[in-house]
Protein backbone atom coordinates (compact mmCIF):
# COMPACT_ATOMS: atom_id res chain seq x y z
CA UNK A 1 -34.42 -3.11 -25.49
CA UNK A 2 -33.24 -5.85 -23.09
CA UNK A 3 -31.41 -3.30 -20.97
CA UNK A 4 -34.56 -1.31 -20.23
CA UNK A 5 -36.36 -4.46 -19.03
CA UNK A 6 -33.52 -5.31 -16.67
CA UNK A 7 -33.31 -1.89 -15.01
CA UNK A 8 -36.66 -2.04 -13.19
CA UNK A 9 -35.70 -5.40 -11.70
CA UNK A 10 -32.26 -4.09 -10.77
CA UNK A 11 -33.87 -1.12 -9.02
CA UNK A 12 -36.59 -3.21 -7.34
CA UNK A 13 -34.18 -5.73 -5.82
CA UNK A 14 -32.41 -3.26 -3.49
CA UNK A 15 -35.81 -1.90 -2.41
CA UNK A 16 -36.90 -5.45 -1.58
CA UNK A 17 -33.76 -6.12 0.44
CA UNK A 18 -34.06 -2.83 2.32
CA UNK A 19 -37.58 -3.90 3.32
CA UNK A 20 -36.39 -7.33 4.55
CA UNK A 21 -33.34 -6.24 6.56
CA UNK A 22 -33.06 -3.36 8.94
CA UNK A 23 -31.19 -0.31 7.68
CA UNK A 24 -28.66 -0.89 10.45
CA UNK A 25 -28.03 -4.46 9.26
CA UNK A 26 -27.49 -3.26 5.70
CA UNK A 27 -25.17 -0.44 6.75
CA UNK A 28 -23.17 -2.87 8.91
CA UNK A 29 -22.54 -5.26 6.01
CA UNK A 30 -19.00 -5.50 4.71
CA UNK A 31 -17.24 -7.87 2.38
CA UNK A 32 -15.30 -10.54 4.27
CA UNK A 33 -11.53 -9.96 4.49
CA UNK A 34 -10.76 -12.76 2.02
CA UNK A 35 -13.02 -11.08 -0.56
CA UNK A 36 -11.33 -7.73 0.02
CA UNK A 37 -7.94 -9.40 -0.30
CA UNK A 38 -8.90 -11.08 -3.57
CA UNK A 39 -10.21 -7.80 -4.99
CA UNK A 40 -6.90 -6.15 -4.06
CA UNK A 41 -4.95 -8.92 -5.76
CA UNK A 42 -7.00 -8.58 -8.94
CA UNK A 43 -6.61 -4.80 -8.95
CA UNK A 44 -2.84 -5.22 -8.53
CA UNK A 45 -2.76 -7.69 -11.43
CA UNK A 46 -4.84 -5.31 -13.55
CA UNK A 47 -2.48 -2.41 -12.78
CA UNK A 48 0.49 -4.61 -13.67
CA UNK A 49 -1.14 -5.55 -16.98
CA UNK A 50 -1.19 -9.28 -16.21
CA UNK A 51 -4.89 -9.82 -15.51
CA UNK A 52 -6.26 -12.86 -17.34
CA UNK A 53 -9.62 -12.68 -19.15
CA UNK A 54 -11.21 -14.88 -16.47
CA UNK A 55 -9.81 -12.65 -13.73
CA UNK A 56 -11.13 -9.59 -15.57
CA UNK A 57 -14.62 -11.09 -15.50
CA UNK A 58 -14.27 -11.80 -11.78
CA UNK A 59 -13.09 -8.26 -11.12
CA UNK A 60 -16.00 -6.81 -13.08
CA UNK A 61 -18.44 -8.95 -11.09
CA UNK A 62 -16.86 -7.65 -7.88
CA UNK A 63 -17.35 -4.10 -9.14
CA UNK A 64 -20.99 -4.80 -9.95
CA UNK A 65 -21.50 -6.27 -6.49
CA UNK A 66 -19.85 -3.22 -4.94
CA UNK A 67 -22.22 -0.93 -6.85
CA UNK A 68 -25.21 -2.97 -5.65
CA UNK A 69 -24.04 -2.83 -2.03
CA UNK A 70 -23.46 0.91 -2.34
CA UNK A 71 -26.99 1.35 -3.70
CA UNK A 72 -28.41 -0.76 -0.88
CA UNK A 73 -26.56 1.25 1.73
CA UNK A 74 -27.74 4.54 0.23
CA UNK A 75 -31.35 3.33 0.28
CA UNK A 76 -30.96 2.06 3.85
CA UNK A 77 -29.54 5.38 4.97
CA UNK A 78 -32.41 7.26 3.28
CA UNK A 79 -34.87 4.95 4.99
CA UNK A 80 -33.25 5.63 8.38
CA UNK A 81 -33.43 9.36 7.81
CA UNK A 82 -37.16 9.16 7.07
CA UNK A 83 -37.87 7.31 10.32
């Protein structure tokens, strides 16, 4: 039951952000190089089988953030196409 109550908020948040920033600003967003580097390090550690539980949580949070950014960019692109 808790999952279904979270989904509307999860879906509403990207819509809110798309309304507050221009589609171009959203599409131009990228993770800073140090964040990309850290993600690469964690993926390497995961592939090597030496990822700690704390690192696994961090990597999963990075994946969730990446999914959110992807959703935002898709909504921004759709908004641009409607204009």
